[in-house]
Amino acid sequence: MRYVLFTMRDGRISGFKLASEVVLYNIEENKPEKSIRNTGIETLEELIEEYDTWLLFTREISGEDKELVEEMGVKVVVTSLETIDEVIGEFFTG
């Protein structure tokens, strides 16, 4: 359970459909590992398959997309936090 995903736009966590990129974040090393241009659910499928991610942080996601992501074994977390640092502080550090 090393990798999590973030939907991002202009350096901020955004809704899934509005995201310009998906960031793969390495929790163990506390750093972004990869950033891929968001082309839709296919982008997530590619990252999930390759890196065995377990969480997706987003500001907003449709019920249909959420269901597809969760069927791939990834829990979707809808957050009002705006930055990756805020999420890491809230969810992964004391």
PDB file of N, CA and C in Angstrom:
ATOM      1  N   MET A   1       0.833  -1.190   0.000  1.00  0.00           N
ATOM      2  CA  MET A   1       0.000   0.000   0.000  1.00  0.00           C
ATOM      3  C   MET A   1       0.872   1.245   0.000  1.00  0.00           C
ATOM      4  N   ARG A   2       1.637   1.322  -1.017  1.00  0.00           N
ATOM      5  CA  ARG A   2       2.617   2.386  -1.130  1.00  0.00           C
ATOM      6  C   ARG A   2       2.092   3.594  -1.896  1.00  0.00           C
ATOM      7  N   TYR A   3       1.236   3.372  -2.906  1.00  0.00           N
ATOM      8  CA  TYR A   3       0.858   4.461  -3.810  1.00  0.00           C
ATOM      9  C   TYR A   3      -0.595   4.898  -3.676  1.00  0.00           C
ATOM     10  N   VAL A   4      -0.806   6.212  -3.768  1.00  0.00           N
ATOM     11  CA  VAL A   4      -2.148   6.791  -3.838  1.00  0.00           C
ATOM     12  C   VAL A   4      -2.188   7.745  -5.034  1.00  0.00           C
ATOM     13  N   LEU A   5      -3.394   8.078  -5.471  1.00  0.00           N
ATOM     14  CA  LEU A   5      -3.588   8.949  -6.629  1.00  0.00           C
ATOM     15  C   LEU A   5      -4.300  10.231  -6.231  1.00  0.00           C
ATOM     16  N   PHE A   6      -3.979  11.301  -6.940  1.00  0.00           N
ATOM     17  CA  PHE A   6      -4.638  12.594  -6.758  1.00  0.00           C
ATOM     18  C   PHE A   6      -5.069  13.119  -8.119  1.00  0.00           C
ATOM     19  N   THR A   7      -6.304  13.621  -8.220  1.00  0.00           N
ATOM     20  CA  THR A   7      -6.720  14.327  -9.434  1.00  0.00           C
ATOM     21  C   THR A   7      -6.382  15.796  -9.223  1.00  0.00           C
ATOM     22  N   MET A   8      -5.641  16.385 -10.178  1.00  0.00           N
ATOM     23  CA  MET A   8      -5.083  17.724  -9.988  1.00  0.00           C
ATOM     24  C   MET A   8      -5.358  18.648 -11.173  1.00  0.00           C
ATOM     25  N   ARG A   9      -5.451  19.931 -10.860  1.00  0.00           N
ATOM     26  CA  ARG A   9      -5.525  20.988 -11.875  1.00  0.00           C
ATOM     27  C   ARG A   9      -4.879  22.229 -11.268  1.00  0.00           C
ATOM     28  N   ASP A  10      -3.924  22.801 -11.973  1.00  0.00           N
ATOM     29  CA  ASP A  10      -3.234  24.014 -11.526  1.00  0.00           C
ATOM     30  C   ASP A  10      -2.656  23.878 -10.116  1.00  0.00           C
ATOM     31  N   GLY A  11      -2.081  22.709  -9.814  1.00  0.00           N
ATOM     32  CA  GLY A  11      -1.430  22.499  -8.528  1.00  0.00           C
ATOM     33  C   GLY A  11      -2.365  22.259  -7.358  1.00  0.00           C
ATOM     34  N   ARG A  12      -3.644  22.116  -7.637  1.00  0.00           N
ATOM     35  CA  ARG A  12      -4.639  21.891  -6.577  1.00  0.00           C
ATOM     36  C   ARG A  12      -5.432  20.620  -6.870  1.00  0.00           C
ATOM     37  N   ILE A  13      -5.893  19.977  -5.825  1.00  0.00           N
ATOM     38  CA  ILE A  13      -6.761  18.821  -5.997  1.00  0.00           C
ATOM     39  C   ILE A  13      -8.057  19.308  -6.631  1.00  0.00           C
ATOM     40  N   SER A  14      -8.499  18.589  -7.648  1.00  0.00           N
ATOM     41  CA  SER A  14      -9.709  18.999  -8.363  1.00  0.00           C
ATOM     42  C   SER A  14     -10.649  17.814  -8.516  1.00  0.00           C
ATOM     43  N   GLY A  15     -11.806  18.088  -9.088  1.00  0.00           N
ATOM     44  CA  GLY A  15     -12.731  17.024  -9.426  1.00  0.00           C
ATOM     45  C   GLY A  15     -12.155  16.167 -10.541  1.00  0.00           C
ATOM     46  N   PHE A  16     -12.612  14.939 -10.623  1.00  0.00           N
ATOM     47  CA  PHE A  16     -12.074  13.987 -11.592  1.00  0.00           C
ATOM     48  C   PHE A  16     -12.218  14.479 -13.029  1.00  0.00           C
ATOM     49  N   LYS A  17     -13.383  14.936 -13.416  1.00  0.00           N
ATOM     50  CA  LYS A  17     -13.620  15.378 -14.801  1.00  0.00           C
ATOM     51  C   LYS A  17     -12.845  16.655 -15.130  1.00  0.00           C
ATOM     52  N   LEU A  18     -12.610  17.514 -14.148  1.00  0.00           N
ATOM     53  CA  LEU A  18     -11.911  18.782 -14.374  1.00  0.00           C
ATOM     54  C   LEU A  18     -10.391  18.657 -14.299  1.00  0.00           C
ATOM     55  N   ALA A  19      -9.905  17.540 -13.811  1.00  0.00           N
ATOM     56  CA  ALA A  19      -8.462  17.373 -13.592  1.00  0.00           C
ATOM     57  C   ALA A  19      -7.694  17.387 -14.906  1.00  0.00           C
ATOM     58  N   SER A  20      -6.581  18.101 -14.920  1.00  0.00           N
ATOM     59  CA  SER A  20      -5.708  18.096 -16.093  1.00  0.00           C
ATOM     60  C   SER A  20      -4.649  17.001 -15.980  1.00  0.00           C
ATOM     61  N   GLU A  21      -4.421  16.526 -14.752  1.00  0.00           N
ATOM     62  CA  GLU A  21      -3.432  15.472 -14.538  1.00  0.00           C
ATOM     63  C   GLU A  21      -3.819  14.605 -13.353  1.00  0.00           C
ATOM     64  N   VAL A  22      -3.249  13.407 -13.334  1.00  0.00           N
ATOM     65  CA  VAL A  22      -3.379  12.505 -12.197  1.00  0.00           C
ATOM     66  C   VAL A  22      -1.971  12.293 -11.659  1.00  0.00           C
ATOM     67  N   VAL A  23      -1.810  12.547 -10.367  1.00  0.00           N
ATOM     68  CA  VAL A  23      -0.495  12.418  -9.730  1.00  0.00           C
ATOM     69  C   VAL A  23      -0.455  11.123  -8.924  1.00  0.00           C
ATOM     70  N   LEU A  24       0.581  10.339  -9.173  1.00  0.00           N
ATOM     71  CA  LEU A  24       0.862   9.135  -8.408  1.00  0.00           C
ATOM     72  C   LEU A  24       1.807   9.539  -7.286  1.00  0.00           C
ATOM     73  N   TYR A  25       1.414   9.289  -6.039  1.00  0.00           N
ATOM     74  CA  TYR A  25       2.195   9.729  -4.885  1.00  0.00           C
ATOM     75  C   TYR A  25       2.663   8.514  -4.091  1.00  0.00           C
ATOM     76  N   ASN A  26       3.948   8.481  -3.772  1.00  0.00           N
ATOM     77  CA  ASN A  26       4.546   7.405  -2.997  1.00  0.00           C
ATOM     78  C   ASN A  26       4.481   7.784  -1.517  1.00  0.00           C
ATOM     79  N   ILE A  27       3.619   7.118  -0.782  1.00  0.00           N
ATOM     80  CA  ILE A  27       3.415   7.418   0.644  1.00  0.00           C
ATOM     81  C   ILE A  27       4.662   7.071   1.462  1.00  0.00           C
ATOM     82  N   GLU A  28       5.303   5.950   1.154  1.00  0.00           N
ATOM     83  CA  GLU A  28       6.471   5.522   1.927  1.00  0.00           C
ATOM     84  C   GLU A  28       7.644   6.491   1.801  1.00  0.00           C
ATOM     85  N   GLU A  29       7.828   7.043   0.611  1.00  0.00           N
ATOM     86  CA  GLU A  29       8.939   7.971   0.394  1.00  0.00           C
ATOM     87  C   GLU A  29       8.511   9.430   0.501  1.00  0.00           C
ATOM     88  N   ASN A  30       7.210   9.647   0.699  1.00  0.00           N
ATOM     89  CA  ASN A  30       6.640  10.988   0.868  1.00  0.00           C
ATOM     90  C   ASN A  30       6.997  11.928  -0.292  1.00  0.00           C
ATOM     91  N   LYS A  31       6.740  11.434  -1.527  1.00  0.00           N
ATOM     92  CA  LYS A  31       7.031  12.264  -2.700  1.00  0.00           C
ATOM     93  C   LYS A  31       6.191  11.830  -3.897  1.00  0.00           C
ATOM     94  N   PRO A  32       5.921  12.772  -4.795  1.00  0.00           N
ATOM     95  CA  PRO A  32       5.238  12.404  -6.040  1.00  0.00           C
ATOM     96  C   PRO A  32       6.152  11.506  -6.870  1.00  0.00           C
ATOM     97  N   GLU A  33       5.577  10.471  -7.432  1.00  0.00           N
ATOM     98  CA  GLU A  33       6.347   9.516  -8.228  1.00  0.00           C
ATOM     99  C   GLU A  33       6.189   9.782  -9.725  1.00  0.00           C
ATOM    100  N   LYS A  34       4.982  10.193 -10.115  1.00  0.00           N
ATOM    101  CA  LYS A  34       4.688  10.337 -11.536  1.00  0.00           C
ATOM    102  C   LYS A  34       3.464  11.225 -11.699  1.00  0.00           C
ATOM    103  N   SER A  35       3.406  11.924 -12.823  1.00  0.00           N
ATOM    104  CA  SER A  35       2.249  12.742 -13.165  1.00  0.00           C
ATOM    105  C   SER A  35       1.881  12.438 -14.612  1.00  0.00           C
ATOM    106  N   ILE A  36       0.614  12.117 -14.838  1.00  0.00           N
ATOM    107  CA  ILE A  36       0.153  11.763 -16.180  1.00  0.00           C
ATOM    108  C   ILE A  36      -1.029  12.645 -16.549  1.00  0.00           C
ATOM    109  N   ARG A  37      -1.046  13.097 -17.786  1.00  0.00           N
ATOM    110  CA  ARG A  37      -2.170  13.899 -18.276  1.00  0.00           C
ATOM    111  C   ARG A  37      -3.455  13.089 -18.145  1.00  0.00           C
ATOM    112  N   ASN A  38      -4.485  13.703 -17.622  1.00  0.00           N
ATOM    113  CA  ASN A  38      -5.761  13.030 -17.408  1.00  0.00           C
ATOM    114  C   ASN A  38      -6.532  12.921 -18.716  1.00  0.00           C
ATOM    115  N   THR A  39      -6.752  11.703 -19.154  1.00  0.00           N
ATOM    116  CA  THR A  39      -7.561  11.457 -20.344  1.00  0.00           C
ATOM    117  C   THR A  39      -8.836  10.701 -19.994  1.00  0.00           C
ATOM    118  N   GLY A  40      -9.154  10.650 -18.708  1.00  0.00           N
ATOM    119  CA  GLY A  40     -10.360   9.956 -18.270  1.00  0.00           C
ATOM    120  C   GLY A  40     -10.033   8.700 -17.492  1.00  0.00           C
ATOM    121  N   ILE A  41     -10.998   7.824 -17.429  1.00  0.00           N
ATOM    122  CA  ILE A  41     -10.881   6.614 -16.618  1.00  0.00           C
ATOM    123  C   ILE A  41      -9.700   5.749 -17.071  1.00  0.00           C
ATOM    124  N   GLU A  42      -9.332   5.856 -18.353  1.00  0.00           N
ATOM    125  CA  GLU A  42      -8.198   5.083 -18.872  1.00  0.00           C
ATOM    126  C   GLU A  42      -6.897   5.446 -18.157  1.00  0.00           C
ATOM    127  N   THR A  43      -6.742   6.712 -17.819  1.00  0.00           N
ATOM    128  CA  THR A  43      -5.549   7.158 -17.093  1.00  0.00           C
ATOM    129  C   THR A  43      -5.458   6.442 -15.753  1.00  0.00           C
ATOM    130  N   LEU A  44      -6.577   6.379 -15.048  1.00  0.00           N
ATOM    131  CA  LEU A  44      -6.587   5.703 -13.753  1.00  0.00           C
ATOM    132  C   LEU A  44      -6.305   4.216 -13.912  1.00  0.00           C
ATOM    133  N   GLU A  45      -6.934   3.583 -14.894  1.00  0.00           N
ATOM    134  CA  GLU A  45      -6.719   2.152 -15.115  1.00  0.00           C
ATOM    135  C   GLU A  45      -5.237   1.845 -15.313  1.00  0.00           C
ATOM    136  N   GLU A  46      -4.587   2.659 -16.117  1.00  0.00           N
ATOM    137  CA  GLU A  46      -3.161   2.470 -16.403  1.00  0.00           C
ATOM    138  C   GLU A  46      -2.326   2.547 -15.121  1.00  0.00           C
ATOM    139  N   LEU A  47      -2.555   3.570 -14.319  1.00  0.00           N
ATOM    140  CA  LEU A  47      -1.786   3.745 -13.082  1.00  0.00           C
ATOM    141  C   LEU A  47      -2.111   2.669 -12.052  1.00  0.00           C
ATOM    142  N   ILE A  48      -3.375   2.305 -11.944  1.00  0.00           N
ATOM    143  CA  ILE A  48      -3.787   1.285 -10.975  1.00  0.00           C
ATOM    144  C   ILE A  48      -3.150  -0.056 -11.315  1.00  0.00           C
ATOM    145  N   GLU A  49      -3.177  -0.422 -12.590  1.00  0.00           N
ATOM    146  CA  GLU A  49      -2.575  -1.687 -13.018  1.00  0.00           C
ATOM    147  C   GLU A  49      -1.070  -1.707 -12.785  1.00  0.00           C
ATOM    148  N   GLU A  50      -0.410  -0.637 -13.165  1.00  0.00           N
ATOM    149  CA  GLU A  50       1.052  -0.605 -13.099  1.00  0.00           C
ATOM    150  C   GLU A  50       1.587  -0.475 -11.676  1.00  0.00           C
ATOM    151  N   TYR A  51       0.889   0.265 -10.811  1.00  0.00           N
ATOM    152  CA  TYR A  51       1.440   0.588  -9.492  1.00  0.00           C
ATOM    153  C   TYR A  51       0.656   0.040  -8.304  1.00  0.00           C
ATOM    154  N   ASP A  52      -0.438  -0.658  -8.540  1.00  0.00           N
ATOM    155  CA  ASP A  52      -1.230  -1.229  -7.450  1.00  0.00           C
ATOM    156  C   ASP A  52      -1.594  -0.168  -6.403  1.00  0.00           C
ATOM    157  N   THR A  53      -2.211   0.902  -6.865  1.00  0.00           N
ATOM    158  CA  THR A  53      -2.626   1.977  -5.961  1.00  0.00           C
ATOM    159  C   THR A  53      -3.827   1.538  -5.134  1.00  0.00           C
ATOM    160  N   TRP A  54      -4.070   2.216  -4.020  1.00  0.00           N
ATOM    161  CA  TRP A  54      -5.168   1.799  -3.147  1.00  0.00           C
ATOM    162  C   TRP A  54      -6.124   2.921  -2.769  1.00  0.00           C
ATOM    163  N   LEU A  55      -5.766   4.178  -3.003  1.00  0.00           N
ATOM    164  CA  LEU A  55      -6.656   5.307  -2.719  1.00  0.00           C
ATOM    165  C   LEU A  55      -6.609   6.311  -3.861  1.00  0.00           C
ATOM    166  N   LEU A  56      -7.755   6.951  -4.118  1.00  0.00           N
ATOM    167  CA  LEU A  56      -7.838   8.067  -5.054  1.00  0.00           C
ATOM    168  C   LEU A  56      -8.441   9.243  -4.306  1.00  0.00           C
ATOM    169  N   PHE A  57      -7.695  10.340  -4.225  1.00  0.00           N
ATOM    170  CA  PHE A  57      -8.195  11.573  -3.613  1.00  0.00           C
ATOM    171  C   PHE A  57      -8.655  12.513  -4.713  1.00  0.00           C
ATOM    172  N   THR A  58      -9.875  13.016  -4.577  1.00  0.00           N
ATOM    173  CA  THR A  58     -10.454  13.911  -5.564  1.00  0.00           C
ATOM    174  C   THR A  58     -11.417  14.865  -4.869  1.00  0.00           C
ATOM    175  N   ARG A  59     -11.752  15.964  -5.521  1.00  0.00           N
ATOM    176  CA  ARG A  59     -12.726  16.911  -4.944  1.00  0.00           C
ATOM    177  C   ARG A  59     -14.151  16.514  -5.298  1.00  0.00           C
ATOM    178  N   GLU A  60     -14.294  15.832  -6.446  1.00  0.00           N
ATOM    179  CA  GLU A  60     -15.630  15.488  -6.932  1.00  0.00           C
ATOM    180  C   GLU A  60     -15.498  14.368  -7.960  1.00  0.00           C
ATOM    181  N   ILE A  61     -16.462  13.433  -7.951  1.00  0.00           N
ATOM    182  CA  ILE A  61     -16.462  12.338  -8.920  1.00  0.00           C
ATOM    183  C   ILE A  61     -17.897  11.857  -9.084  1.00  0.00           C
ATOM    184  N   SER A  62     -18.275  11.504 -10.298  1.00  0.00           N
ATOM    185  CA  SER A  62     -19.633  11.007 -10.537  1.00  0.00           C
ATOM    186  C   SER A  62     -19.785   9.625  -9.912  1.00  0.00           C
ATOM    187  N   GLY A  63     -21.012   9.257  -9.622  1.00  0.00           N
ATOM    188  CA  GLY A  63     -21.278   7.938  -9.060  1.00  0.00           C
ATOM    189  C   GLY A  63     -20.795   6.822  -9.970  1.00  0.00           C
ATOM    190  N   GLU A  64     -20.974   7.012 -11.270  1.00  0.00           N
ATOM    191  CA  GLU A  64     -20.553   6.002 -12.246  1.00  0.00           C
ATOM    192  C   GLU A  64     -19.033   5.837 -12.250  1.00  0.00           C
ATOM    193  N   ASP A  65     -18.302   6.949 -12.280  1.00  0.00           N
ATOM    194  CA  ASP A  65     -16.837   6.871 -12.261  1.00  0.00           C
ATOM    195  C   ASP A  65     -16.329   6.312 -10.936  1.00  0.00           C
ATOM    196  N   LYS A  66     -16.965   6.703  -9.844  1.00  0.00           N
ATOM    197  CA  LYS A  66     -16.568   6.185  -8.532  1.00  0.00           C
ATOM    198  C   LYS A  66     -16.726   4.668  -8.499  1.00  0.00           C
ATOM    199  N   GLU A  67     -17.835   4.189  -9.017  1.00  0.00           N
ATOM    200  CA  GLU A  67     -18.085   2.753  -9.041  1.00  0.00           C
ATOM    201  C   GLU A  67     -17.022   2.028  -9.875  1.00  0.00           C
ATOM    202  N   LEU A  68     -16.679   2.581 -11.039  1.00  0.00           N
ATOM    203  CA  LEU A  68     -15.647   1.973 -11.888  1.00  0.00           C
ATOM    204  C   LEU A  68     -14.303   1.900 -11.168  1.00  0.00           C
ATOM    205  N   VAL A  69     -13.932   2.983 -10.504  1.00  0.00           N
ATOM    206  CA  VAL A  69     -12.656   3.020  -9.781  1.00  0.00           C
ATOM    207  C   VAL A  69     -12.663   2.003  -8.642  1.00  0.00           C
ATOM    208  N   GLU A  70     -13.754   1.946  -7.900  1.00  0.00           N
ATOM    209  CA  GLU A  70     -13.822   1.018  -6.770  1.00  0.00           C
ATOM    210  C   GLU A  70     -13.849  -0.435  -7.233  1.00  0.00           C
ATOM    211  N   GLU A  71     -14.400  -0.695  -8.424  1.00  0.00           N
ATOM    212  CA  GLU A  71     -14.355  -2.049  -8.986  1.00  0.00           C
ATOM    213  C   GLU A  71     -12.922  -2.469  -9.308  1.00  0.00           C
ATOM    214  N   MET A  72     -12.040  -1.491  -9.516  1.00  0.00           N
ATOM    215  CA  MET A  72     -10.619  -1.772  -9.762  1.00  0.00           C
ATOM    216  C   MET A  72      -9.860  -1.981  -8.452  1.00  0.00           C
ATOM    217  N   GLY A  73     -10.562  -1.903  -7.323  1.00  0.00           N
ATOM    218  CA  GLY A  73      -9.934  -2.145  -6.031  1.00  0.00           C
ATOM    219  C   GLY A  73      -9.363  -0.917  -5.353  1.00  0.00           C
ATOM    220  N   VAL A  74      -9.760   0.271  -5.809  1.00  0.00           N
ATOM    221  CA  VAL A  74      -9.245   1.518  -5.246  1.00  0.00           C
ATOM    222  C   VAL A  74     -10.366   2.259  -4.528  1.00  0.00           C
ATOM    223  N   LYS A  75     -10.128   2.621  -3.281  1.00  0.00           N
ATOM    224  CA  LYS A  75     -11.113   3.394  -2.521  1.00  0.00           C
ATOM    225  C   LYS A  75     -11.038   4.854  -2.950  1.00  0.00           C
ATOM    226  N   VAL A  76     -12.204   5.456  -3.180  1.00  0.00           N
ATOM    227  CA  VAL A  76     -12.279   6.862  -3.573  1.00  0.00           C
ATOM    228  C   VAL A  76     -12.537   7.707  -2.332  1.00  0.00           C
ATOM    229  N   VAL A  77     -11.712   8.725  -2.132  1.00  0.00           N
ATOM    230  CA  VAL A  77     -11.874   9.650  -1.016  1.00  0.00           C
ATOM    231  C   VAL A  77     -12.164  11.030  -1.597  1.00  0.00           C
ATOM    232  N   VAL A  78     -13.381  11.525  -1.354  1.00  0.00           N
ATOM    233  CA  VAL A  78     -13.741  12.875  -1.786  1.00  0.00           C
ATOM    234  C   VAL A  78     -13.348  13.810  -0.652  1.00  0.00           C
ATOM    235  N   THR A  79     -12.510  14.777  -0.968  1.00  0.00           N
ATOM    236  CA  THR A  79     -11.969  15.668   0.056  1.00  0.00           C
ATOM    237  C   THR A  79     -12.189  17.129  -0.310  1.00  0.00           C
ATOM    238  N   SER A  80     -12.289  17.959   0.699  1.00  0.00           N
ATOM    239  CA  SER A  80     -12.362  19.406   0.461  1.00  0.00           C
ATOM    240  C   SER A  80     -10.976  20.044   0.582  1.00  0.00           C
ATOM    241  N   LEU A  81      -9.976  19.245   0.978  1.00  0.00           N
ATOM    242  CA  LEU A  81      -8.608  19.756   1.075  1.00  0.00           C
ATOM    243  C   LEU A  81      -8.106  20.103  -0.323  1.00  0.00           C
ATOM    244  N   GLU A  82      -7.228  21.101  -0.413  1.00  0.00           N
ATOM    245  CA  GLU A  82      -6.830  21.613  -1.725  1.00  0.00           C
ATOM    246  C   GLU A  82      -5.475  21.144  -2.225  1.00  0.00           C
ATOM    247  N   THR A  83      -4.575  20.750  -1.330  1.00  0.00           N
ATOM    248  CA  THR A  83      -3.230  20.388  -1.776  1.00  0.00           C
ATOM    249  C   THR A  83      -2.852  18.983  -1.313  1.00  0.00           C
ATOM    250  N   ILE A  84      -1.874  18.416  -2.004  1.00  0.00           N
ATOM    251  CA  ILE A  84      -1.370  17.103  -1.618  1.00  0.00           C
ATOM    252  C   ILE A  84      -0.800  17.167  -0.206  1.00  0.00           C
ATOM    253  N   ASP A  85      -0.061  18.217   0.113  1.00  0.00           N
ATOM    254  CA  ASP A  85       0.517  18.355   1.457  1.00  0.00           C
ATOM    255  C   ASP A  85      -0.555  18.343   2.537  1.00  0.00           C
ATOM    256  N   GLU A  86      -1.681  19.003   2.289  1.00  0.00           N
ATOM    257  CA  GLU A  86      -2.777  19.008   3.267  1.00  0.00           C
ATOM    258  C   GLU A  86      -3.331  17.602   3.466  1.00  0.00           C
ATOM    259  N   VAL A  87      -3.506  16.861   2.381  1.00  0.00           N
ATOM    260  CA  VAL A  87      -4.024  15.491   2.479  1.00  0.00           C
ATOM    261  C   VAL A  87      -3.039  14.601   3.221  1.00  0.00           C
ATOM    262  N   ILE A  88      -1.762  14.696   2.885  1.00  0.00           N
ATOM    263  CA  ILE A  88      -0.750  13.876   3.562  1.00  0.00           C
ATOM    264  C   ILE A  88      -0.755  14.185   5.057  1.00  0.00           C
ATOM    265  N   GLY A  89      -0.815  15.460   5.409  1.00  0.00           N
ATOM    266  CA  GLY A  89      -0.863  15.850   6.816  1.00  0.00           C
ATOM    267  C   GLY A  89      -2.094  15.329   7.531  1.00  0.00           C
ATOM    268  N   GLU A  90      -3.216  15.373   6.868  1.00  0.00           N
ATOM    269  CA  GLU A  90      -4.492  14.960   7.472  1.00  0.00           C
ATOM    270  C   GLU A  90      -4.631  13.443   7.580  1.00  0.00           C
ATOM    271  N   PHE A  91      -4.218  12.715   6.550  1.00  0.00           N
ATOM    272  CA  PHE A  91      -4.494  11.285   6.480  1.00  0.00           C
ATOM    273  C   PHE A  91      -3.315  10.383   6.840  1.00  0.00           C
ATOM    274  N   PHE A  92      -2.092  10.863   6.702  1.00  0.00           N
ATOM    275  CA  PHE A  92      -0.953   9.954   6.814  1.00  0.00           C
ATOM    276  C   PHE A  92       0.090  10.334   7.860  1.00  0.00           C
ATOM    277  N   THR A  93      -0.009  11.503   8.462  1.00  0.00           N
ATOM    278  CA  THR A  93       0.934  11.858   9.523  1.00  0.00           C
ATOM    279  C   THR A  93       0.159  12.267  10.760  1.00  0.00           C
ATOM    280  N   GLY A  94       0.825  12.160  11.902  1.00  0.00           N
ATOM    281  CA  GLY A  94       0.230  12.374  13.199  1.00  0.00           C
ATOM    282  C   GLY A  94      -0.516  13.622  13.361  1.00  0.00           C
TER     283      GLY A  94
END
